[in-house]
Amino acid sequence: MYQVNIHEAKTNLSKLIKKVVDGEEVVIAKGNKPLVKMVLLNGKKPKRTLGSAKGTLKISKDFDAPLKDFEEYIR
């Protein structure tokens, strides 16, 4: 979530609109109290890319082996 005050929102409206279009939530505050939230009118969310995290996670071959700390509970 990105929060700005009213003056900053007036000054940077185009940039804030781009953030909303890109999928970020923008809140406009008055006196540090959230007042309004900018949302896309059509409500579309950015398209997700399937498989974008491929190769970033490595799982060991024994990930499901019993833990030694719990040997006394396994019977």
N, C-alpha and C. Protein backbone atom coordinates (compact mmCIF):
# COMPACT_ATOMS: atom_id res chain seq x y z
N MET A 1 0.85 -1.17 0.00
CA MET A 1 0.00 0.00 0.00
C MET A 1 0.89 1.24 0.00
N TYR A 2 0.51 2.19 -0.78
CA TYR A 2 1.25 3.44 -0.92
C TYR A 2 0.35 4.56 -0.42
N GLN A 3 0.78 5.31 0.58
CA GLN A 3 -0.04 6.38 1.15
C GLN A 3 0.60 7.74 0.91
N VAL A 4 -0.22 8.70 0.48
CA VAL A 4 0.25 10.06 0.24
C VAL A 4 -0.74 11.03 0.86
N ASN A 5 -0.27 12.25 1.12
CA ASN A 5 -1.19 13.27 1.62
C ASN A 5 -1.85 13.97 0.42
N ILE A 6 -2.85 14.77 0.69
CA ILE A 6 -3.63 15.40 -0.37
C ILE A 6 -2.76 16.28 -1.27
N HIS A 7 -1.87 17.06 -0.68
CA HIS A 7 -1.01 17.94 -1.48
C HIS A 7 -0.15 17.13 -2.44
N GLU A 8 0.46 16.06 -1.94
CA GLU A 8 1.30 15.21 -2.79
C GLU A 8 0.46 14.54 -3.88
N ALA A 9 -0.77 14.17 -3.55
CA ALA A 9 -1.65 13.55 -4.55
C ALA A 9 -1.97 14.52 -5.68
N LYS A 10 -2.22 15.78 -5.33
CA LYS A 10 -2.51 16.78 -6.36
C LYS A 10 -1.28 17.02 -7.23
N THR A 11 -0.12 17.02 -6.63
CA THR A 11 1.12 17.28 -7.35
C THR A 11 1.51 16.12 -8.27
N ASN A 12 1.26 14.89 -7.83
CA ASN A 12 1.74 13.70 -8.55
C ASN A 12 0.60 12.80 -9.03
N LEU A 13 -0.51 13.36 -9.43
CA LEU A 13 -1.67 12.57 -9.80
C LEU A 13 -1.36 11.56 -10.91
N SER A 14 -0.65 11.96 -11.94
CA SER A 14 -0.33 11.05 -13.05
C SER A 14 0.48 9.85 -12.57
N LYS A 15 1.46 10.09 -11.71
CA LYS A 15 2.28 8.99 -11.19
C LYS A 15 1.45 8.06 -10.32
N LEU A 16 0.54 8.61 -9.54
CA LEU A 16 -0.31 7.78 -8.69
C LEU A 16 -1.26 6.92 -9.52
N ILE A 17 -1.79 7.49 -10.59
CA ILE A 17 -2.67 6.73 -11.48
C ILE A 17 -1.90 5.56 -12.09
N LYS A 18 -0.66 5.80 -12.49
CA LYS A 18 0.17 4.72 -13.06
C LYS A 18 0.38 3.61 -12.04
N LYS A 19 0.61 3.97 -10.77
CA LYS A 19 0.79 2.97 -9.72
C LYS A 19 -0.47 2.10 -9.59
N VAL A 20 -1.63 2.74 -9.63
CA VAL A 20 -2.89 2.00 -9.51
C VAL A 20 -3.08 1.08 -10.71
N VAL A 21 -2.80 1.58 -11.91
CA VAL A 21 -2.92 0.77 -13.12
C VAL A 21 -1.98 -0.43 -13.06
N ASP A 22 -0.80 -0.24 -12.46
CA ASP A 22 0.18 -1.32 -12.33
C ASP A 22 -0.16 -2.29 -11.20
N GLY A 23 -1.26 -2.04 -10.48
CA GLY A 23 -1.71 -2.99 -9.47
C GLY A 23 -1.43 -2.60 -8.04
N GLU A 24 -0.83 -1.46 -7.80
CA GLU A 24 -0.53 -1.05 -6.43
C GLU A 24 -1.72 -0.31 -5.82
N GLU A 25 -1.91 -0.48 -4.53
CA GLU A 25 -2.99 0.21 -3.83
C GLU A 25 -2.49 1.58 -3.38
N VAL A 26 -3.23 2.63 -3.69
CA VAL A 26 -2.85 4.00 -3.32
C VAL A 26 -3.92 4.58 -2.42
N VAL A 27 -3.50 5.07 -1.26
CA VAL A 27 -4.40 5.68 -0.30
C VAL A 27 -4.02 7.15 -0.15
N ILE A 28 -5.04 8.02 -0.19
CA ILE A 28 -4.81 9.45 0.01
C ILE A 28 -5.28 9.79 1.42
N ALA A 29 -4.40 10.46 2.17
CA ALA A 29 -4.67 10.74 3.57
C ALA A 29 -4.76 12.25 3.82
N LYS A 30 -5.46 12.58 4.88
CA LYS A 30 -5.53 13.96 5.34
C LYS A 30 -5.13 13.95 6.81
N GLY A 31 -4.04 14.63 7.10
CA GLY A 31 -3.54 14.63 8.48
C GLY A 31 -3.11 13.25 8.94
N ASN A 32 -2.48 12.49 8.04
CA ASN A 32 -2.00 11.12 8.30
C ASN A 32 -3.12 10.14 8.61
N LYS A 33 -4.36 10.49 8.34
CA LYS A 33 -5.49 9.56 8.50
C LYS A 33 -5.99 9.20 7.11
N PRO A 34 -6.01 7.90 6.77
CA PRO A 34 -6.48 7.50 5.44
C PRO A 34 -7.88 8.04 5.17
N LEU A 35 -8.05 8.59 3.98
CA LEU A 35 -9.32 9.22 3.63
C LEU A 35 -9.99 8.52 2.45
N VAL A 36 -9.24 8.29 1.38
CA VAL A 36 -9.78 7.63 0.19
C VAL A 36 -8.75 6.64 -0.37
N LYS A 37 -9.26 5.67 -1.14
CA LYS A 37 -8.40 4.69 -1.79
C LYS A 37 -8.65 4.77 -3.29
N MET A 38 -7.59 4.85 -4.06
CA MET A 38 -7.71 4.87 -5.52
C MET A 38 -7.75 3.43 -6.03
N VAL A 39 -8.75 3.13 -6.86
CA VAL A 39 -8.89 1.80 -7.45
C VAL A 39 -9.18 1.95 -8.94
N LEU A 40 -8.91 0.89 -9.70
CA LEU A 40 -9.25 0.88 -11.11
C LEU A 40 -10.75 0.83 -11.27
N LEU A 41 -11.28 1.58 -12.19
CA LEU A 41 -12.71 1.62 -12.41
C LEU A 41 -13.25 0.30 -12.89
N ASN A 42 -12.53 -0.35 -13.80
CA ASN A 42 -13.00 -1.62 -14.33
C ASN A 42 -12.63 -2.79 -13.43
N GLY A 43 -11.84 -2.56 -12.42
CA GLY A 43 -11.51 -3.58 -11.43
C GLY A 43 -10.57 -4.67 -11.92
N LYS A 44 -9.95 -4.50 -13.09
CA LYS A 44 -9.04 -5.52 -13.58
C LYS A 44 -7.75 -5.50 -12.78
N LYS A 45 -7.24 -6.70 -12.54
CA LYS A 45 -5.95 -6.83 -11.87
C LYS A 45 -4.90 -7.15 -12.94
N PRO A 46 -3.64 -6.81 -12.66
CA PRO A 46 -2.61 -7.13 -13.64
C PRO A 46 -2.53 -8.64 -13.87
N LYS A 47 -2.24 -9.03 -15.09
CA LYS A 47 -2.17 -10.44 -15.44
C LYS A 47 -0.97 -11.09 -14.75
N ARG A 48 -1.22 -12.23 -14.11
CA ARG A 48 -0.14 -12.95 -13.46
C ARG A 48 0.63 -13.78 -14.48
N THR A 49 1.91 -13.93 -14.22
CA THR A 49 2.75 -14.74 -15.08
C THR A 49 3.03 -16.05 -14.36
N LEU A 50 2.47 -17.13 -14.89
CA LEU A 50 2.67 -18.44 -14.27
C LEU A 50 4.11 -18.89 -14.47
N GLY A 51 4.67 -19.46 -13.41
CA GLY A 51 6.03 -19.98 -13.48
C GLY A 51 7.11 -18.94 -13.28
N SER A 52 6.74 -17.75 -12.82
CA SER A 52 7.74 -16.69 -12.69
C SER A 52 8.76 -16.96 -11.58
N ALA A 53 8.45 -17.88 -10.65
CA ALA A 53 9.37 -18.19 -9.56
C ALA A 53 10.13 -19.50 -9.81
N LYS A 54 9.98 -20.05 -11.00
CA LYS A 54 10.63 -21.33 -11.31
C LYS A 54 12.14 -21.22 -11.13
N GLY A 55 12.69 -22.19 -10.39
CA GLY A 55 14.12 -22.24 -10.17
C GLY A 55 14.61 -21.44 -8.96
N THR A 56 13.71 -20.76 -8.26
CA THR A 56 14.14 -19.95 -7.11
C THR A 56 14.03 -20.72 -5.80
N LEU A 57 13.42 -21.91 -5.82
CA LEU A 57 13.22 -22.69 -4.60
C LEU A 57 13.87 -24.05 -4.79
N LYS A 58 14.66 -24.45 -3.79
CA LYS A 58 15.30 -25.75 -3.86
C LYS A 58 14.86 -26.57 -2.65
N ILE A 59 14.34 -27.76 -2.90
CA ILE A 59 13.87 -28.65 -1.84
C ILE A 59 14.80 -29.85 -1.79
N SER A 60 15.29 -30.16 -0.59
CA SER A 60 16.20 -31.30 -0.46
C SER A 60 15.43 -32.60 -0.65
N LYS A 61 16.15 -33.65 -0.99
CA LYS A 61 15.52 -34.95 -1.26
C LYS A 61 14.87 -35.55 -0.02
N ASP A 62 15.35 -35.20 1.17
CA ASP A 62 14.79 -35.77 2.40
C ASP A 62 13.90 -34.77 3.15
N PHE A 63 13.22 -33.89 2.42
CA PHE A 63 12.44 -32.85 3.09
C PHE A 63 11.31 -33.41 3.95
N ASP A 64 10.84 -34.63 3.63
CA ASP A 64 9.73 -35.20 4.39
C ASP A 64 10.19 -36.28 5.38
N ALA A 65 11.49 -36.39 5.59
CA ALA A 65 12.02 -37.37 6.56
C ALA A 65 11.71 -36.90 7.98
N PRO A 66 11.48 -37.84 8.90
CA PRO A 66 11.18 -37.46 10.29
C PRO A 66 12.34 -36.67 10.91
N LEU A 67 12.01 -35.70 11.73
CA LEU A 67 13.02 -34.89 12.40
C LEU A 67 13.52 -35.61 13.65
N LYS A 68 14.81 -35.49 13.94
CA LYS A 68 15.38 -36.17 15.09
C LYS A 68 14.80 -35.63 16.41
N ASP A 69 14.39 -34.38 16.43
CA ASP A 69 13.81 -33.79 17.63
C ASP A 69 12.50 -34.46 18.05
N PHE A 70 11.85 -35.15 17.13
CA PHE A 70 10.53 -35.74 17.41
C PHE A 70 10.57 -37.28 17.46
N GLU A 71 11.78 -37.87 17.54
CA GLU A 71 11.89 -39.32 17.55
C GLU A 71 11.10 -39.97 18.69
N GLU A 72 11.07 -39.32 19.86
CA GLU A 72 10.37 -39.93 20.99
C GLU A 72 8.85 -39.94 20.79
N TYR A 73 8.33 -39.13 19.89
CA TYR A 73 6.89 -39.10 19.65
C TYR A 73 6.44 -40.08 18.56
N ILE A 74 7.40 -40.55 17.76
CA ILE A 74 7.09 -41.45 16.67
C ILE A 74 7.23 -42.89 17.17
N ARG A 75 6.15 -43.64 17.12
CA ARG A 75 6.17 -45.05 17.59
C ARG A 75 5.40 -45.93 16.68
